[in-house]
Amino acid sequence: MVVPIAIGHPFSATGLRMINTISNEMERKNYKYGLVSVCAAGAMSGSILLERV
């Protein structure tokens, strides 16, 4: 099951905030994987896949 979480634009510490939020949600719902993706200016993007061990 994938649950999207939207938390604003990725400026300053928002990226860290997104990673913190998804890791807390993974622990709360006992999910093994979490994916954070962000868009950036100029058709660029970034993503991170988290795994609970």
PDB file of N, CA and C in Angstrom:
ATOM      1  N   MET A   1       0.842  -1.168   0.000  1.00  0.00           N
ATOM      2  CA  MET A   1       0.000   0.000   0.000  1.00  0.00           C
ATOM      3  C   MET A   1       0.891   1.235   0.000  1.00  0.00           C
ATOM      4  N   VAL A   2       0.549   2.209  -0.823  1.00  0.00           N
ATOM      5  CA  VAL A   2       1.286   3.461  -0.896  1.00  0.00           C
ATOM      6  C   VAL A   2       0.382   4.578  -0.403  1.00  0.00           C
ATOM      7  N   VAL A   3       0.881   5.366   0.542  1.00  0.00           N
ATOM      8  CA  VAL A   3       0.124   6.488   1.074  1.00  0.00           C
ATOM      9  C   VAL A   3       0.905   7.759   0.774  1.00  0.00           C
ATOM     10  N   PRO A   4       0.419   8.611  -0.145  1.00  0.00           N
ATOM     11  CA  PRO A   4       1.147   9.841  -0.444  1.00  0.00           C
ATOM     12  C   PRO A   4       1.018  10.860   0.682  1.00  0.00           C
ATOM     13  N   ILE A   5       2.099  11.577   0.933  1.00  0.00           N
ATOM     14  CA  ILE A   5       2.118  12.645   1.926  1.00  0.00           C
ATOM     15  C   ILE A   5       2.699  13.874   1.253  1.00  0.00           C
ATOM     16  N   ALA A   6       1.958  14.957   1.197  1.00  0.00           N
ATOM     17  CA  ALA A   6       2.439  16.199   0.583  1.00  0.00           C
ATOM     18  C   ALA A   6       2.818  17.191   1.676  1.00  0.00           C
ATOM     19  N   ILE A   7       4.042  17.734   1.593  1.00  0.00           N
ATOM     20  CA  ILE A   7       4.522  18.662   2.619  1.00  0.00           C
ATOM     21  C   ILE A   7       5.242  19.840   1.976  1.00  0.00           C
ATOM     22  N   GLY A   8       4.602  20.571   1.151  1.00  0.00           N
ATOM     23  CA  GLY A   8       5.190  21.814   0.663  1.00  0.00           C
ATOM     24  C   GLY A   8       6.346  21.652  -0.300  1.00  0.00           C
ATOM     25  N   HIS A   9       7.006  22.757  -0.596  1.00  0.00           N
ATOM     26  CA  HIS A   9       8.075  22.828  -1.580  1.00  0.00           C
ATOM     27  C   HIS A   9       9.430  22.532  -0.947  1.00  0.00           C
ATOM     28  N   PRO A  10      10.332  21.855  -1.666  1.00  0.00           N
ATOM     29  CA  PRO A  10      11.607  21.412  -1.084  1.00  0.00           C
ATOM     30  C   PRO A  10      12.689  22.481  -0.973  1.00  0.00           C
ATOM     31  N   PHE A  11      12.407  23.599  -0.346  1.00  0.00           N
ATOM     32  CA  PHE A  11      13.443  24.598  -0.073  1.00  0.00           C
ATOM     33  C   PHE A  11      13.929  24.437   1.361  1.00  0.00           C
ATOM     34  N   SER A  12      15.162  24.834   1.596  1.00  0.00           N
ATOM     35  CA  SER A  12      15.781  24.812   2.928  1.00  0.00           C
ATOM     36  C   SER A  12      15.706  23.436   3.549  1.00  0.00           C
ATOM     37  N   ALA A  13      15.071  23.301   4.702  1.00  0.00           N
ATOM     38  CA  ALA A  13      15.047  22.031   5.423  1.00  0.00           C
ATOM     39  C   ALA A  13      13.807  21.201   5.137  1.00  0.00           C
ATOM     40  N   THR A  14      13.037  21.567   4.122  1.00  0.00           N
ATOM     41  CA  THR A  14      11.818  20.819   3.831  1.00  0.00           C
ATOM     42  C   THR A  14      12.128  19.382   3.417  1.00  0.00           C
ATOM     43  N   GLY A  15      13.243  19.173   2.696  1.00  0.00           N
ATOM     44  CA  GLY A  15      13.627  17.809   2.309  1.00  0.00           C
ATOM     45  C   GLY A  15      13.883  16.936   3.524  1.00  0.00           C
ATOM     46  N   LEU A  16      14.584  17.473   4.500  1.00  0.00           N
ATOM     47  CA  LEU A  16      14.818  16.733   5.743  1.00  0.00           C
ATOM     48  C   LEU A  16      13.502  16.500   6.474  1.00  0.00           C
ATOM     49  N   ARG A  17      12.640  17.476   6.442  1.00  0.00           N
ATOM     50  CA  ARG A  17      11.324  17.337   7.075  1.00  0.00           C
ATOM     51  C   ARG A  17      10.526  16.214   6.410  1.00  0.00           C
ATOM     52  N   MET A  18      10.610  16.134   5.089  1.00  0.00           N
ATOM     53  CA  MET A  18       9.902  15.075   4.372  1.00  0.00           C
ATOM     54  C   MET A  18      10.444  13.697   4.732  1.00  0.00           C
ATOM     55  N   ILE A  19      11.766  13.566   4.833  1.00  0.00           N
ATOM     56  CA  ILE A  19      12.376  12.287   5.207  1.00  0.00           C
ATOM     57  C   ILE A  19      11.989  11.908   6.633  1.00  0.00           C
ATOM     58  N   ASN A  20      12.006  12.882   7.533  1.00  0.00           N
ATOM     59  CA  ASN A  20      11.614  12.631   8.914  1.00  0.00           C
ATOM     60  C   ASN A  20      10.144  12.196   8.994  1.00  0.00           C
ATOM     61  N   THR A  21       9.280  12.869   8.254  1.00  0.00           N
ATOM     62  CA  THR A  21       7.852  12.539   8.272  1.00  0.00           C
ATOM     63  C   THR A  21       7.601  11.141   7.726  1.00  0.00           C
ATOM     64  N   ILE A  22       8.234  10.794   6.603  1.00  0.00           N
ATOM     65  CA  ILE A  22       7.988   9.471   6.022  1.00  0.00           C
ATOM     66  C   ILE A  22       8.567   8.375   6.914  1.00  0.00           C
ATOM     67  N   SER A  23       9.703   8.617   7.553  1.00  0.00           N
ATOM     68  CA  SER A  23      10.261   7.589   8.439  1.00  0.00           C
ATOM     69  C   SER A  23       9.382   7.395   9.676  1.00  0.00           C
ATOM     70  N   ASN A  24       8.834   8.478  10.208  1.00  0.00           N
ATOM     71  CA  ASN A  24       7.895   8.340  11.333  1.00  0.00           C
ATOM     72  C   ASN A  24       6.631   7.603  10.909  1.00  0.00           C
ATOM     73  N   GLU A  25       6.125   7.900   9.714  1.00  0.00           N
ATOM     74  CA  GLU A  25       4.925   7.233   9.209  1.00  0.00           C
ATOM     75  C   GLU A  25       5.190   5.752   8.942  1.00  0.00           C
ATOM     76  N   MET A  26       6.383   5.430   8.441  1.00  0.00           N
ATOM     77  CA  MET A  26       6.749   4.029   8.220  1.00  0.00           C
ATOM     78  C   MET A  26       6.754   3.257   9.532  1.00  0.00           C
ATOM     79  N   GLU A  27       7.274   3.868  10.571  1.00  0.00           N
ATOM     80  CA  GLU A  27       7.299   3.206  11.879  1.00  0.00           C
ATOM     81  C   GLU A  27       5.889   3.070  12.444  1.00  0.00           C
ATOM     82  N   ARG A  28       5.095   4.137  12.308  1.00  0.00           N
ATOM     83  CA  ARG A  28       3.739   4.131  12.871  1.00  0.00           C
ATOM     84  C   ARG A  28       2.858   3.077  12.208  1.00  0.00           C
ATOM     85  N   LYS A  29       2.969   2.930  10.881  1.00  0.00           N
ATOM     86  CA  LYS A  29       2.124   1.985  10.146  1.00  0.00           C
ATOM     87  C   LYS A  29       2.819   0.659   9.863  1.00  0.00           C
ATOM     88  N   ASN A  30       4.040   0.503  10.371  1.00  0.00           N
ATOM     89  CA  ASN A  30       4.815  -0.726  10.204  1.00  0.00           C
ATOM     90  C   ASN A  30       5.074  -1.050   8.724  1.00  0.00           C
ATOM     91  N   TYR A  31       5.394  -0.019   7.928  1.00  0.00           N
ATOM     92  CA  TYR A  31       5.763  -0.216   6.526  1.00  0.00           C
ATOM     93  C   TYR A  31       7.245  -0.503   6.438  1.00  0.00           C
ATOM     94  N   LYS A  32       7.628  -1.325   5.477  1.00  0.00           N
ATOM     95  CA  LYS A  32       9.036  -1.643   5.300  1.00  0.00           C
ATOM     96  C   LYS A  32       9.741  -0.610   4.424  1.00  0.00           C
ATOM     97  N   TYR A  33       9.051  -0.045   3.428  1.00  0.00           N
ATOM     98  CA  TYR A  33       9.651   0.889   2.494  1.00  0.00           C
ATOM     99  C   TYR A  33       8.919   2.223   2.495  1.00  0.00           C
ATOM    100  N   GLY A  34       9.671   3.271   2.202  1.00  0.00           N
ATOM    101  CA  GLY A  34       9.106   4.605   2.040  1.00  0.00           C
ATOM    102  C   GLY A  34       9.846   5.314   0.920  1.00  0.00           C
ATOM    103  N   LEU A  35       9.127   6.115   0.132  1.00  0.00           N
ATOM    104  CA  LEU A  35       9.725   6.830  -0.987  1.00  0.00           C
ATOM    105  C   LEU A  35       9.439   8.309  -0.851  1.00  0.00           C
ATOM    106  N   VAL A  36      10.490   9.121  -0.926  1.00  0.00           N
ATOM    107  CA  VAL A  36      10.362  10.571  -0.906  1.00  0.00           C
ATOM    108  C   VAL A  36      10.873  11.070  -2.250  1.00  0.00           C
ATOM    109  N   SER A  37      10.073  11.872  -2.933  1.00  0.00           N
ATOM    110  CA  SER A  37      10.512  12.464  -4.195  1.00  0.00           C
ATOM    111  C   SER A  37      10.217  13.954  -4.180  1.00  0.00           C
ATOM    112  N   VAL A  38      11.090  14.721  -4.823  1.00  0.00           N
ATOM    113  CA  VAL A  38      10.944  16.178  -4.882  1.00  0.00           C
ATOM    114  C   VAL A  38      11.220  16.644  -6.301  1.00  0.00           C
ATOM    115  N   CYS A  39      10.608  17.754  -6.657  1.00  0.00           N
ATOM    116  CA  CYS A  39      10.900  18.367  -7.948  1.00  0.00           C
ATOM    117  C   CYS A  39      11.826  19.556  -7.711  1.00  0.00           C
ATOM    118  N   ALA A  40      12.580  19.904  -8.737  1.00  0.00           N
ATOM    119  CA  ALA A  40      13.492  21.051  -8.650  1.00  0.00           C
ATOM    120  C   ALA A  40      13.370  21.855  -9.937  1.00  0.00           C
ATOM    121  N   ALA A  41      13.817  23.071  -9.907  1.00  0.00           N
ATOM    122  CA  ALA A  41      13.730  23.940 -11.078  1.00  0.00           C
ATOM    123  C   ALA A  41      14.550  23.373 -12.237  1.00  0.00           C
ATOM    124  N   GLY A  42      14.128  23.651 -13.438  1.00  0.00           N
ATOM    125  CA  GLY A  42      14.878  23.225 -14.617  1.00  0.00           C
ATOM    126  C   GLY A  42      14.706  21.768 -14.967  1.00  0.00           C
ATOM    127  N   ALA A  43      13.554  21.197 -14.700  1.00  0.00           N
ATOM    128  CA  ALA A  43      13.229  19.805 -15.047  1.00  0.00           C
ATOM    129  C   ALA A  43      14.143  18.801 -14.350  1.00  0.00           C
ATOM    130  N   MET A  44      14.558  19.114 -13.144  1.00  0.00           N
ATOM    131  CA  MET A  44      15.367  18.192 -12.358  1.00  0.00           C
ATOM    132  C   MET A  44      14.519  17.642 -11.216  1.00  0.00           C
ATOM    133  N   SER A  45      14.946  16.536 -10.653  1.00  0.00           N
ATOM    134  CA  SER A  45      14.225  15.952  -9.526  1.00  0.00           C
ATOM    135  C   SER A  45      15.190  15.103  -8.701  1.00  0.00           C
ATOM    136  N   GLY A  46      14.711  14.698  -7.565  1.00  0.00           N
ATOM    137  CA  GLY A  46      15.487  13.820  -6.708  1.00  0.00           C
ATOM    138  C   GLY A  46      14.563  12.915  -5.935  1.00  0.00           C
ATOM    139  N   SER A  47      15.049  11.785  -5.514  1.00  0.00           N
ATOM    140  CA  SER A  47      14.235  10.867  -4.728  1.00  0.00           C
ATOM    141  C   SER A  47      15.133  10.060  -3.809  1.00  0.00           C
ATOM    142  N   ILE A  48      14.508   9.506  -2.769  1.00  0.00           N
ATOM    143  CA  ILE A  48      15.224   8.635  -1.841  1.00  0.00           C
ATOM    144  C   ILE A  48      14.280   7.523  -1.425  1.00  0.00           C
ATOM    145  N   LEU A  49      14.781   6.312  -1.411  1.00  0.00           N
ATOM    146  CA  LEU A  49      14.015   5.146  -0.988  1.00  0.00           C
ATOM    147  C   LEU A  49      14.537   4.736   0.384  1.00  0.00           C
ATOM    148  N   LEU A  50      13.653   4.668   1.364  1.00  0.00           N
ATOM    149  CA  LEU A  50      14.033   4.274   2.717  1.00  0.00           C
ATOM    150  C   LEU A  50      13.549   2.850   2.982  1.00  0.00           C
ATOM    151  N   GLU A  51      14.339   2.086   3.732  1.00  0.00           N
ATOM    152  CA  GLU A  51      13.970   0.723   4.105  1.00  0.00           C
ATOM    153  C   GLU A  51      14.174   0.557   5.603  1.00  0.00           C
ATOM    154  N   ARG A  52      13.137   0.074   6.282  1.00  0.00           N
ATOM    155  CA  ARG A  52      13.261  -0.239   7.711  1.00  0.00           C
ATOM    156  C   ARG A  52      13.887  -1.611   7.836  1.00  0.00           C
ATOM    157  N   VAL A  53      14.862  -1.729   8.716  1.00  0.00           N
ATOM    158  CA  VAL A  53      15.491  -3.038   8.934  1.00  0.00           C
ATOM    159  C   VAL A  53      15.297  -3.473  10.356  1.00  0.00           C
TER     160      VAL A  53
END
